[in-house]
């Protein structure tokens, strides 16, 4: 297993725990006082694109030589001349990186527009998602990007009302949608996920009655964190009883006398709630196809115009099937989640050892999409997920998946602004501390060094105020301001890399903009080795007579 650096002296960032490829700690805590790169980006914004202490330092990269096969072993290419989808200023040689358009869209019959090629992945029934939802949803909305309400939100809602096994009222679903739609200005989307339990509970029908024109519904096959249904952990036995009555698997079984005695004596401290596995009654891909197309047809009958699919880090057959069926059903988006990440509770050993790593999964997805495109099919738009957190990651994912990939989906990285902003808000607005789930009693030095007010702490504060107005800032969660800063940094970094590749729109990106840094990566991804790209043209230049 590769070991990733826990600190970056040039940027002044450091990880509290072990670092993953994304640059995040493997265990990200809501009360963290900093300061990994994502955490610090929430405060500094695009300032963090550059080494610290300008004027007194020089700096040099430490990761030029890449080993193994991962997104780290793909290099971003730049070009000395030319321009694609260039602005008028390019004709005069005056183009600037800020003129790069990172806006994107996805969908078939009805396009969904986004201000950037980012989306927040499924934040479902886990308690941490519920606690920080308002901040994350508001942040995604003001930034004009989609956010996914994950599986089981209705099923675990103790205030929800069921009748004949179908949901009639869900305050938690209503709250989550309201948090996003309050700031939604036409860019991005609220996407609501449906797993096996949600389908049984009639969540689609509930959404059709109340939010048909306001949401995209997403069928779920799996995720990169695990290859079984979703889990949460509950601490009190009354809640475990409620979940079991809802039809969930509760482990250990809270209905057993010996388990209740063990809980009473405190030899066990909680219960895991699991969802059912899907398609266990089917034994062939043809049967899955038939069942899947029926599900899509039923959603369309309910009036949903936009439908997406989320699949996990399964093997090649399931990957190909997801691309074929999403294309055949004319879905608006297919999110392909590589192994390793998780925003909630997943078996740790499973997270470490199951499934196809992102770069391998995404490389195969492109090959399969190309097969369908060669047959004349209008291939579904895709989103890649799995440990993305930096501008370079996003550039590589979009280029690797071109022309099919329109978005990069992030989970844990886009939760950090919610944590950090809420902690700061809890200190600066003490009356809001419980409401926003702030964890701090005072600002840590990593924050107070920037200032003692929101205006001083967040680099993006005044940009957000310009967009929303001064009055709106009084109620806007600080986590949304932190989200703005982080995405501003990611967007500016992406613009810089695209400008270097002479690509002035997301649509202009292609696989010629990246290269394999070692022969193994070239073999596995289908990307050319870095010194093979342009080598033939280079020789022609040299052979041309002076």
Protein backbone atom coordinates (compact mmCIF):
# COMPACT_ATOMS: atom_id res chain seq x y z
CA UNK A 1 0.00 0.00 0.00
CA UNK A 2 1.48 3.40 -0.94
CA UNK A 3 2.26 5.84 1.84
CA UNK A 4 1.17 9.42 1.21
CA UNK A 5 2.83 12.44 2.79
CA UNK A 6 1.06 13.78 5.88
CA UNK A 7 2.26 17.32 5.39
CA UNK A 8 3.07 19.79 2.64
CA UNK A 9 5.65 22.30 3.72
CA UNK A 10 5.15 24.46 0.64
CA UNK A 11 1.46 25.01 1.38
CA UNK A 12 1.74 24.86 5.16
CA UNK A 13 -0.75 22.00 5.43
CA UNK A 14 -0.64 18.96 7.69
CA UNK A 15 -2.85 15.94 8.26
CA UNK A 16 -3.95 14.97 11.75
CA UNK A 17 -3.97 11.25 10.86
CA UNK A 18 -2.83 8.96 8.07
CA UNK A 19 -3.16 10.56 4.65
CA UNK A 20 -5.06 9.02 1.74
CA UNK A 21 -4.39 9.63 -1.97
CA UNK A 22 -6.98 12.42 -1.87
CA UNK A 23 -4.91 14.33 0.69
CA UNK A 24 -7.61 13.79 3.31
CA UNK A 25 -6.99 11.89 6.52
CA UNK A 26 -8.28 8.33 6.37
CA UNK A 27 -10.44 9.27 9.36
CA UNK A 28 -11.89 12.77 9.04
CA UNK A 29 -13.26 14.18 12.31
CA UNK A 30 -15.95 16.84 12.47
CA UNK A 31 -14.20 18.64 15.35
CA UNK A 32 -10.80 18.80 13.63
CA UNK A 33 -8.92 22.05 14.18
CA UNK A 34 -6.93 21.66 10.96
CA UNK A 35 -5.21 21.76 8.79
CA UNK A 36 -5.18 19.45 5.76
CA UNK A 37 -5.29 21.07 2.31
CA UNK A 38 -9.07 20.84 1.97
CA UNK A 39 -9.60 22.26 5.47
CA UNK A 40 -7.32 25.22 4.85
CA UNK A 41 -8.82 25.82 1.39
CA UNK A 42 -12.15 26.53 3.07
CA UNK A 43 -10.56 29.56 4.75
CA UNK A 44 -7.94 30.74 2.26
CA UNK A 45 -9.65 29.89 -1.04
CA UNK A 46 -7.47 30.33 -4.11
CA UNK A 47 -4.61 31.72 -2.03
CA UNK A 48 -3.78 28.11 -1.23
CA UNK A 49 -2.93 27.42 -4.86
CA UNK A 50 0.50 28.93 -4.20
CA UNK A 51 3.41 28.22 -1.81
CA UNK A 52 3.36 30.18 1.42
CA UNK A 53 5.67 33.02 2.44
CA UNK A 54 6.24 34.48 -1.02
CA UNK A 55 9.35 36.65 -1.16
CA UNK A 56 11.32 34.66 1.38
CA UNK A 57 11.19 31.15 -0.12
CA UNK A 58 11.74 29.06 -3.21
CA UNK A 59 9.87 25.79 -3.71
CA UNK A 60 10.09 22.59 -5.72
CA UNK A 61 7.76 19.65 -6.26
CA UNK A 62 8.37 16.38 -4.45
CA UNK A 63 6.16 13.98 -6.41
CA UNK A 64 7.53 14.07 -9.96
CA UNK A 65 8.30 10.34 -10.05
CA UNK A 66 5.11 8.30 -9.71
CA UNK A 67 5.00 4.61 -8.89
CA UNK A 68 2.16 2.10 -9.20
CA UNK A 69 -1.18 2.71 -10.88
CA UNK A 70 -3.39 5.47 -9.50
CA UNK A 71 -4.45 8.99 -10.36
CA UNK A 72 -1.10 10.04 -8.86
CA UNK A 73 0.65 8.24 -11.73
CA UNK A 74 -1.14 10.30 -14.40
CA UNK A 75 0.50 13.55 -15.45
CA UNK A 76 -1.24 16.69 -16.69
CA UNK A 77 0.12 17.91 -20.02
CA UNK A 78 0.58 21.49 -21.18
CA UNK A 79 1.19 22.94 -24.61
CA UNK A 80 3.27 25.86 -25.82
CA UNK A 81 0.80 27.11 -28.42
CA UNK A 82 -2.74 26.76 -29.73
CA UNK A 83 -6.19 27.18 -28.23
CA UNK A 84 -9.43 25.17 -28.20
CA UNK A 85 -12.81 26.83 -27.57
CA UNK A 86 -10.82 29.99 -27.12
CA UNK A 87 -12.24 33.40 -26.13
CA UNK A 88 -11.86 36.32 -28.59
CA UNK A 89 -8.82 37.56 -26.65
CA UNK A 90 -6.88 34.49 -27.78
CA UNK A 91 -6.79 35.82 -31.35
CA UNK A 92 -4.67 38.72 -30.10
CA UNK A 93 -2.54 36.54 -27.84
CA UNK A 94 -4.12 38.15 -24.78
CA UNK A 95 -6.02 35.20 -23.27
CA UNK A 96 -5.94 34.77 -19.48
CA UNK A 97 -6.56 31.64 -17.43
CA UNK A 98 -9.57 33.30 -15.81
CA UNK A 99 -11.31 33.21 -19.21
CA UNK A 100 -11.49 29.41 -19.07
CA UNK A 101 -15.14 28.39 -18.76
CA UNK A 102 -15.55 25.54 -16.28
CA UNK A 103 -19.33 25.45 -16.55
CA UNK A 104 -20.80 22.13 -17.57
CA UNK A 105 -24.09 20.37 -18.14
CA UNK A 106 -25.49 16.87 -18.15
CA UNK A 107 -28.65 15.12 -19.21
CA UNK A 108 -30.52 14.10 -22.32
CA UNK A 109 -34.02 15.49 -22.94
CA UNK A 110 -33.61 18.17 -20.26
CA UNK A 111 -30.15 19.58 -19.61
CA UNK A 112 -29.03 20.37 -16.07
CA UNK A 113 -26.61 23.30 -16.03
CA UNK A 114 -23.82 23.61 -13.44
CA UNK A 115 -21.40 26.42 -12.63
CA UNK A 116 -18.56 23.93 -12.24
CA UNK A 117 -17.84 20.24 -12.93
CA UNK A 118 -18.27 19.30 -9.28
CA UNK A 119 -21.01 17.48 -7.39
CA UNK A 120 -21.47 16.43 -3.78
CA UNK A 121 -21.97 12.69 -3.54
CA UNK A 122 -24.68 10.86 -1.67
CA UNK A 123 -25.08 12.11 1.89
CA UNK A 124 -27.73 9.82 3.25
CA UNK A 125 -29.01 8.46 6.53
CA UNK A 126 -25.75 8.79 8.43
CA UNK A 127 -26.02 11.11 11.41
CA UNK A 128 -23.05 13.20 10.35
CA UNK A 129 -24.77 13.96 7.04
CA UNK A 130 -27.94 14.99 8.89
CA UNK A 131 -26.03 17.21 11.34
CA UNK A 132 -24.19 19.22 8.70
CA UNK A 133 -26.67 19.02 5.86
CA UNK A 134 -27.88 22.63 6.02
CA UNK A 135 -24.35 23.99 5.58
CA UNK A 136 -23.40 21.58 2.80
CA UNK A 137 -26.68 21.98 0.91
CA UNK A 138 -26.60 25.78 1.07
CA UNK A 139 -22.95 25.74 -0.03
CA UNK A 140 -23.63 23.55 -3.07
CA UNK A 141 -26.65 25.67 -4.00
CA UNK A 142 -24.84 29.01 -3.94
CA UNK A 143 -21.95 27.44 -5.88
CA UNK A 144 -24.36 26.12 -8.52
CA UNK A 145 -23.50 22.43 -8.27
CA UNK A 146 -25.60 19.29 -7.60
CA UNK A 147 -25.90 17.55 -4.26
CA UNK A 148 -27.24 14.05 -3.65
CA UNK A 149 -29.58 13.17 -0.79
CA UNK A 150 -28.53 9.60 -0.16
CA UNK A 151 -30.36 6.40 0.61
CA UNK A 152 -32.58 5.59 3.60
CA UNK A 153 -33.21 9.18 4.70
CA UNK A 154 -36.96 8.58 4.87
CA UNK A 155 -36.70 5.13 6.43
CA UNK A 156 -34.67 6.27 9.44
CA UNK A 157 -36.69 9.42 10.04
CA UNK A 158 -38.40 8.89 13.40
CA UNK A 159 -40.83 11.71 12.65
CA UNK A 160 -41.91 10.22 9.33
CA UNK A 161 -45.38 8.79 8.93
CA UNK A 162 -46.02 5.49 7.15
CA UNK A 163 -49.37 4.11 6.04
CA UNK A 164 -49.72 0.64 4.56
CA UNK A 165 -45.94 0.47 4.21
CA UNK A 166 -45.68 3.72 2.23
CA UNK A 167 -44.40 7.07 3.35
CA UNK A 168 -46.97 9.81 3.88
CA UNK A 169 -44.82 12.39 5.62
CA UNK A 170 -41.07 12.84 6.05
CA UNK A 171 -39.92 15.99 7.85
CA UNK A 172 -36.27 15.08 7.33
CA UNK A 173 -36.60 14.74 3.55
CA UNK A 174 -38.56 18.00 3.48
CA UNK A 175 -35.85 19.74 5.53
CA UNK A 176 -33.05 18.54 3.30
CA UNK A 177 -34.72 19.64 0.12
CA UNK A 178 -35.72 22.99 1.62
CA UNK A 179 -32.10 23.69 2.65
CA UNK A 180 -30.93 23.32 -0.94
CA UNK A 181 -33.89 24.81 -2.78
CA UNK A 182 -33.83 27.95 -0.61
CA UNK A 183 -30.57 29.03 -2.30
CA UNK A 184 -31.00 27.26 -5.64
CA UNK A 185 -30.80 29.74 -8.53
CA UNK A 186 -31.16 27.45 -11.54
CA UNK A 187 -27.68 25.89 -11.63
CA UNK A 188 -27.03 22.46 -10.11
CA UNK A 189 -29.71 20.08 -8.86
CA UNK A 190 -31.09 18.25 -5.86
CA UNK A 191 -30.70 14.53 -6.57
CA UNK A 192 -32.55 12.04 -4.36
CA UNK A 193 -31.30 8.48 -4.17
CA UNK A 194 -33.52 5.41 -4.06
CA UNK A 195 -32.24 2.07 -2.82
CA UNK A 196 -34.14 -1.16 -2.20
CA UNK A 197 -35.63 0.08 1.08
CA UNK A 198 -36.63 3.44 -0.37
CA UNK A 199 -38.43 1.71 -3.23
CA UNK A 200 -40.35 -0.49 -0.79
CA UNK A 201 -41.22 2.51 1.36
CA UNK A 202 -42.72 4.46 -1.55
CA UNK A 203 -40.17 7.29 -1.50
CA UNK A 204 -40.52 7.80 -5.25
CA UNK A 205 -44.26 8.28 -4.90
CA UNK A 206 -43.73 10.75 -2.05
CA UNK A 207 -41.29 12.75 -4.16
CA UNK A 208 -43.64 12.66 -7.14
CA UNK A 209 -46.46 14.11 -5.05
CA UNK A 210 -44.38 16.89 -3.54
CA UNK A 211 -41.23 17.56 -5.56
CA UNK A 212 -41.65 16.04 -9.03
CA UNK A 213 -40.31 19.04 -10.94
CA UNK A 214 -37.70 19.99 -8.36
CA UNK A 215 -35.54 16.86 -8.11
CA UNK A 216 -33.62 14.26 -10.06
CA UNK A 217 -34.25 10.74 -8.76
CA UNK A 218 -31.31 8.36 -8.62
CA UNK A 219 -31.47 4.59 -8.63
CA UNK A 220 -28.69 3.02 -6.60
CA UNK A 221 -26.69 -0.11 -7.32
CA UNK A 222 -23.84 0.49 -4.92
CA UNK A 223 -20.90 2.66 -3.90
CA UNK A 224 -17.15 2.53 -3.61
CA UNK A 225 -17.12 2.08 0.16
CA UNK A 226 -18.73 -1.37 0.30
CA UNK A 227 -20.56 -3.98 -1.73
CA UNK A 228 -23.45 -4.52 0.69
CA UNK A 229 -26.35 -2.24 1.63
CA UNK A 230 -26.05 0.98 3.57
CA UNK A 231 -25.33 0.99 7.29
CA UNK A 232 -25.67 3.28 10.23
CA UNK A 233 -24.91 2.70 13.89
CA UNK A 234 -27.42 3.59 16.59
CA UNK A 235 -26.72 3.81 20.31
CA UNK A 236 -30.15 3.53 21.95
CA UNK A 237 -32.22 0.39 21.83
CA UNK A 238 -35.50 2.24 21.32
CA UNK A 239 -34.23 3.58 18.01
CA UNK A 240 -33.00 0.08 17.10
CA UNK A 241 -36.52 -1.24 17.81
CA UNK A 242 -37.95 1.48 15.55
CA UNK A 243 -35.62 0.55 12.69
CA UNK A 244 -36.34 -3.14 13.03
CA UNK A 245 -40.07 -2.38 12.89
CA UNK A 246 -39.38 -0.46 9.69
CA UNK A 247 -38.09 -3.68 8.17
CA UNK A 248 -34.33 -3.12 8.43
CA UNK A 249 -31.80 -5.71 9.54
CA UNK A 250 -30.55 -4.68 12.99
CA UNK A 251 -27.35 -6.37 14.11
CA UNK A 252 -27.16 -7.69 16.76
CA UNK A 253 -30.87 -8.47 16.76
CA UNK A 254 -32.43 -6.13 19.32
CA UNK A 255 -35.52 -8.35 19.59
CA UNK A 256 -33.55 -11.18 21.19
CA UNK A 257 -33.71 -11.32 25.03
CA UNK A 258 -30.01 -12.03 25.41
CA UNK A 259 -29.15 -9.02 23.26
CA UNK A 260 -31.40 -6.76 25.30
CA UNK A 261 -29.75 -8.04 28.49
CA UNK A 262 -26.32 -7.41 27.01
CA UNK A 263 -27.35 -3.85 26.13
CA UNK A 264 -28.75 -3.34 29.62
CA UNK A 265 -25.51 -4.51 31.21
CA UNK A 266 -23.52 -2.33 28.74
CA UNK A 267 -21.53 -5.24 27.33
CA UNK A 268 -22.78 -4.06 23.94
CA UNK A 269 -23.11 -0.36 23.24
CA UNK A 270 -24.96 -0.08 19.96
CA UNK A 271 -26.53 -1.65 16.90
CA UNK A 272 -25.79 -1.60 13.19
CA UNK A 273 -28.68 -1.07 10.80
CA UNK A 274 -28.29 -2.64 7.35
CA UNK A 275 -30.22 -2.39 4.11
CA UNK A 276 -31.21 -5.32 1.93
CA UNK A 277 -29.06 -6.42 -0.96
CA UNK A 278 -30.54 -5.72 -4.37
CA UNK A 279 -31.18 -8.19 -7.21
CA UNK A 280 -30.46 -11.29 -5.10
CA UNK A 281 -33.39 -13.03 -6.82
CA UNK A 282 -31.88 -12.53 -10.26
CA UNK A 283 -29.21 -14.69 -11.83
CA UNK A 284 -28.44 -13.17 -15.22
CA UNK A 285 -27.74 -9.77 -16.69
CA UNK A 286 -30.74 -10.13 -18.96
CA UNK A 287 -32.97 -10.48 -15.90
CA UNK A 288 -31.34 -7.44 -14.30
CA UNK A 289 -31.92 -5.50 -17.52
CA UNK A 290 -35.60 -6.34 -17.56
CA UNK A 291 -36.08 -5.40 -13.90
CA UNK A 292 -34.06 -2.19 -14.25
CA UNK A 293 -35.95 -0.96 -17.30
CA UNK A 294 -39.21 -1.62 -15.46
CA UNK A 295 -37.99 0.53 -12.57
CA UNK A 296 -37.09 3.37 -14.92
CA UNK A 297 -40.45 3.11 -16.69
CA UNK A 298 -42.30 3.28 -13.38
CA UNK A 299 -40.39 6.45 -12.42
CA UNK A 300 -41.24 8.02 -15.76
CA UNK A 301 -44.89 7.07 -15.22
CA UNK A 302 -44.74 9.02 -11.96
CA UNK A 303 -43.72 12.06 -13.97
CA UNK A 304 -39.96 12.27 -13.33
CA UNK A 305 -38.17 13.82 -16.31
CA UNK A 306 -34.64 13.34 -14.98
CA UNK A 307 -33.31 10.03 -13.66
CA UNK A 308 -29.77 8.97 -12.78
CA UNK A 309 -27.95 5.84 -11.63
CA UNK A 310 -25.18 5.37 -9.07
CA UNK A 311 -23.01 2.27 -9.27
CA UNK A 312 -20.10 1.06 -7.18
CA UNK A 313 -16.71 -0.50 -7.61
CA UNK A 314 -18.02 -3.83 -8.88
CA UNK A 315 -16.27 -5.86 -11.58
CA UNK A 316 -16.26 -5.35 -15.31
CA UNK A 317 -19.54 -7.09 -16.08
CA UNK A 318 -21.53 -4.87 -13.70
CA UNK A 319 -19.69 -1.79 -14.97
CA UNK A 320 -20.52 -2.58 -18.59
CA UNK A 321 -24.11 -3.37 -17.66
CA UNK A 322 -24.56 -0.07 -15.84
CA UNK A 323 -23.26 1.89 -18.84
CA UNK A 324 -25.40 -0.08 -21.29
CA UNK A 325 -28.60 0.18 -19.26
CA UNK A 326 -28.13 3.85 -18.39
CA UNK A 327 -27.62 4.51 -22.10
CA UNK A 328 -30.51 2.29 -23.20
CA UNK A 329 -32.89 3.89 -20.67
CA UNK A 330 -31.73 7.38 -21.72
CA UNK A 331 -30.78 8.32 -18.16
CA UNK A 332 -29.39 11.75 -17.43
CA UNK A 333 -26.32 10.72 -15.44
CA UNK A 334 -24.34 7.67 -14.36
CA UNK A 335 -22.04 8.08 -11.34
CA UNK A 336 -19.25 5.49 -11.19
CA UNK A 337 -17.70 5.26 -7.72
CA UNK A 338 -14.27 3.69 -7.31
CA UNK A 339 -13.21 1.76 -4.23
CA UNK A 340 -11.87 3.28 -1.08
CA UNK A 341 -14.01 6.16 0.15
CA UNK A 342 -16.97 6.45 2.44
CA UNK A 343 -19.01 9.25 3.99
CA UNK A 344 -20.66 7.22 6.72
CA UNK A 345 -20.26 3.82 8.29
CA UNK A 346 -18.75 0.98 6.28
CA UNK A 347 -16.91 -2.17 7.34
CA UNK A 348 -13.31 -0.99 7.49
CA UNK A 349 -11.70 -4.19 6.22
CA UNK A 350 -14.12 -4.16 3.30
CA UNK A 351 -13.24 -0.55 2.49
CA UNK A 352 -9.56 -1.45 2.41
CA UNK A 353 -9.80 -4.59 0.30
CA UNK A 354 -12.93 -4.81 -1.83
CA UNK A 355 -13.59 -3.46 -5.29
CA UNK A 356 -11.84 -1.86 -8.24
CA UNK A 357 -9.63 1.18 -7.53
CA UNK A 358 -10.86 4.42 -9.13
CA UNK A 359 -8.36 4.91 -11.96
CA UNK A 360 -8.76 1.32 -13.16
CA UNK A 361 -12.56 1.41 -12.93
CA UNK A 362 -12.78 4.74 -14.71
CA UNK A 363 -10.37 3.66 -17.45
CA UNK A 364 -12.49 0.62 -18.21
CA UNK A 365 -15.66 2.73 -18.13
CA UNK A 366 -14.29 4.87 -20.95
CA UNK A 367 -13.36 1.81 -23.02
CA UNK A 368 -16.86 0.39 -22.63
CA UNK A 369 -18.47 3.74 -23.43
CA UNK A 370 -16.39 3.93 -26.59
CA UNK A 371 -17.74 0.54 -27.69
CA UNK A 372 -21.32 1.80 -27.40
CA UNK A 373 -20.45 5.10 -29.10
CA UNK A 374 -18.86 3.21 -32.01
CA UNK A 375 -22.18 1.42 -32.46
CA UNK A 376 -23.94 4.76 -32.82
CA UNK A 377 -25.44 5.00 -29.33
CA UNK A 378 -25.81 8.29 -27.47
CA UNK A 379 -23.85 7.24 -24.40
CA UNK A 380 -25.05 8.38 -20.98
CA UNK A 381 -23.28 11.33 -19.38
CA UNK A 382 -21.01 10.22 -16.56
CA UNK A 383 -19.67 11.40 -13.24
CA UNK A 384 -16.54 9.84 -11.77
CA UNK A 385 -16.16 9.41 -7.99
CA UNK A 386 -13.49 7.99 -5.72
CA UNK A 387 -11.05 10.09 -3.71
CA UNK A 388 -11.10 13.33 -5.69
CA UNK A 389 -10.15 16.45 -3.72
CA UNK A 390 -7.68 18.53 -5.74
CA UNK A 391 -7.79 20.49 -8.98
CA UNK A 392 -5.30 18.09 -10.53
CA UNK A 393 -7.52 15.12 -9.61
CA UNK A 394 -10.51 16.80 -11.22
CA UNK A 395 -8.61 17.67 -14.40
CA UNK A 396 -7.35 14.10 -14.71
CA UNK A 397 -10.75 12.55 -14.11
CA UNK A 398 -12.47 14.78 -16.68
CA UNK A 399 -9.75 14.23 -19.27
CA UNK A 400 -9.58 10.48 -18.68
CA UNK A 401 -13.35 10.18 -19.11
CA UNK A 402 -13.69 12.57 -22.06
CA UNK A 403 -15.99 13.07 -23.86
CA UNK A 404 -18.40 11.16 -21.61
CA UNK A 405 -17.53 12.52 -18.15
CA UNK A 406 -19.20 15.82 -17.28
CA UNK A 407 -18.76 15.94 -13.50
CA UNK A 408 -16.44 14.81 -10.73
CA UNK A 409 -18.30 13.58 -7.66
CA UNK A 410 -16.80 14.23 -4.22
CA UNK A 411 -18.00 12.93 -0.89
CA UNK A 412 -15.74 13.46 2.10
CA UNK A 413 -13.97 16.47 0.60
CA UNK A 414 -17.21 18.43 0.35
CA UNK A 415 -18.22 17.56 3.90
CA UNK A 416 -15.20 19.29 5.43
CA UNK A 417 -16.49 22.82 4.70
CA UNK A 418 -19.65 21.91 6.61
CA UNK A 419 -17.64 20.73 9.61
CA UNK A 420 -15.27 23.68 9.68
CA UNK A 421 -17.85 26.37 9.00
CA UNK A 422 -20.18 25.00 11.66
CA UNK A 423 -17.41 24.92 14.25
CA UNK A 424 -16.54 28.55 13.54
CA UNK A 425 -20.21 29.57 13.55
CA UNK A 426 -20.70 27.89 16.91
CA UNK A 427 -18.03 30.17 18.39
CA UNK A 428 -18.92 33.43 16.64
CA UNK A 429 -22.69 32.91 16.95
CA UNK A 430 -23.00 31.09 20.31
CA UNK A 431 -26.78 31.00 20.10
CA UNK A 432 -26.44 28.83 16.98
CA UNK A 433 -23.91 26.37 18.41
CA UNK A 434 -26.35 23.52 19.09
CA UNK A 435 -28.31 24.15 15.91
CA UNK A 436 -25.26 23.94 13.66
CA UNK A 437 -23.52 21.22 15.73
CA UNK A 438 -20.47 23.32 16.47
CA UNK A 439 -17.75 21.46 18.36
CA UNK A 440 -15.53 24.32 19.55
CA UNK A 441 -15.77 26.64 22.56
CA UNK A 442 -13.19 29.02 21.14
CA UNK A 443 -11.37 29.50 17.85
CA UNK A 444 -8.16 27.46 17.57
CA UNK A 445 -4.99 29.29 16.62
CA UNK A 446 -5.20 27.81 13.11
CA UNK A 447 -8.33 29.95 12.62
CA UNK A 448 -7.82 32.93 14.92
CA UNK A 449 -4.52 33.73 13.18
CA UNK A 450 -6.71 34.83 10.28
CA UNK A 451 -9.03 36.97 12.40
CA UNK A 452 -11.89 36.98 14.87
CA UNK A 453 -14.80 37.70 12.50
CA UNK A 454 -16.32 35.78 9.63
CA UNK A 455 -15.39 38.61 7.26
CA UNK A 456 -11.71 38.23 8.18
CA UNK A 457 -11.62 34.45 8.49
CA UNK A 458 -13.21 33.44 5.18
CA UNK A 459 -11.50 34.62 1.99
CA UNK A 460 -14.76 34.15 0.09
CA UNK A 461 -17.01 36.06 2.48
CA UNK A 462 -17.35 39.21 0.40
CA UNK A 463 -17.80 37.30 -2.86
CA UNK A 464 -20.70 35.43 -1.32
CA UNK A 465 -22.11 38.67 0.08
CA UNK A 466 -21.95 40.20 -3.39
CA UNK A 467 -23.95 37.26 -4.77
CA UNK A 468 -26.58 37.04 -2.03
CA UNK A 469 -26.69 40.47 -0.42
CA UNK A 470 -25.80 41.61 3.08
CA UNK A 471 -29.11 40.61 4.63
CA UNK A 472 -28.82 37.01 3.47
CA UNK A 473 -25.42 36.69 5.16
CA UNK A 474 -27.09 36.96 8.55
CA UNK A 475 -28.73 33.55 8.11
CA UNK A 476 -26.40 31.79 5.68
CA UNK A 477 -24.56 28.91 7.39
CA UNK A 478 -20.84 29.58 7.71
CA UNK A 479 -20.27 26.13 6.21
CA UNK A 480 -21.70 27.45 2.94
CA UNK A 481 -19.12 30.26 2.94
CA UNK A 482 -16.40 27.68 3.61
CA UNK A 483 -17.72 25.63 0.67
CA UNK A 484 -17.49 28.68 -1.57
CA UNK A 485 -13.83 29.19 -0.61
CA UNK A 486 -12.90 25.59 -1.24
CA UNK A 487 -14.68 25.37 -4.60
CA UNK A 488 -13.27 28.73 -5.64
CA UNK A 489 -9.81 27.31 -5.06
CA UNK A 490 -10.62 24.09 -6.94
CA UNK A 491 -12.18 26.03 -9.79
CA UNK A 492 -9.28 28.46 -10.13
CA UNK A 493 -6.78 25.59 -10.01
CA UNK A 494 -8.74 23.77 -12.70
CA UNK A 495 -8.83 26.92 -14.86
CA UNK A 496 -5.05 27.23 -14.58
CA UNK A 497 -4.43 23.64 -15.64
CA UNK A 498 -6.91 23.90 -18.49
CA UNK A 499 -5.31 27.12 -19.67
CA UNK A 500 -1.94 25.37 -19.68
CA UNK A 501 -3.45 22.65 -21.85
CA UNK A 502 -4.90 25.42 -24.07
CA UNK A 503 -8.43 24.16 -23.38
CA UNK A 504 -10.90 26.94 -22.62
CA UNK A 505 -13.98 24.79 -21.92
CA UNK A 506 -14.76 21.51 -20.17
CA UNK A 507 -16.05 20.18 -23.50
CA UNK A 508 -12.64 20.72 -25.09
CA UNK A 509 -10.81 18.45 -22.62
CA UNK A 510 -9.74 15.08 -23.98
CA UNK A 511 -7.39 12.21 -23.27
CA UNK A 512 -4.54 13.96 -25.12
CA UNK A 513 -4.34 16.30 -22.14
CA UNK A 514 -3.00 13.61 -19.78
CA UNK A 515 -0.31 10.94 -19.93
CA UNK A 516 0.88 7.91 -18.03
CA UNK A 517 3.92 8.58 -15.85
CA UNK A 518 5.04 4.95 -15.93
CA UNK A 519 4.67 2.02 -18.30
CA UNK A 520 2.40 0.07 -15.96
CA UNK A 521 -0.08 2.92 -15.85
CA UNK A 522 0.06 3.20 -19.64
CA UNK A 523 -0.77 -0.48 -19.96
CA UNK A 524 -3.66 -0.45 -17.51
CA UNK A 525 -5.31 2.84 -18.47
CA UNK A 526 -4.75 2.87 -22.21
CA UNK A 527 -3.06 6.27 -21.90
CA UNK A 528 0.21 6.74 -23.78
CA UNK A 529 3.46 6.95 -21.86
CA UNK A 530 4.42 10.57 -21.34
CA UNK A 531 7.43 10.66 -23.70
CA UNK A 532 5.56 8.83 -26.45
CA UNK A 533 3.01 11.63 -26.81
CA UNK A 534 3.96 13.91 -29.68
CA UNK A 535 7.24 12.07 -30.23
CA UNK A 536 6.50 11.46 -33.89
CA UNK A 537 5.64 15.11 -34.51
CA UNK A 538 8.73 16.15 -32.57
CA UNK A 539 10.93 14.09 -34.90
CA UNK A 540 9.26 15.64 -37.94
CA UNK A 541 10.15 19.10 -36.60
CA UNK A 542 13.77 18.11 -36.21
CA UNK A 543 14.00 16.43 -39.62
CA UNK A 544 12.53 19.42 -41.44
CA UNK A 545 15.29 21.25 -43.29
CA UNK A 546 16.27 24.65 -41.97
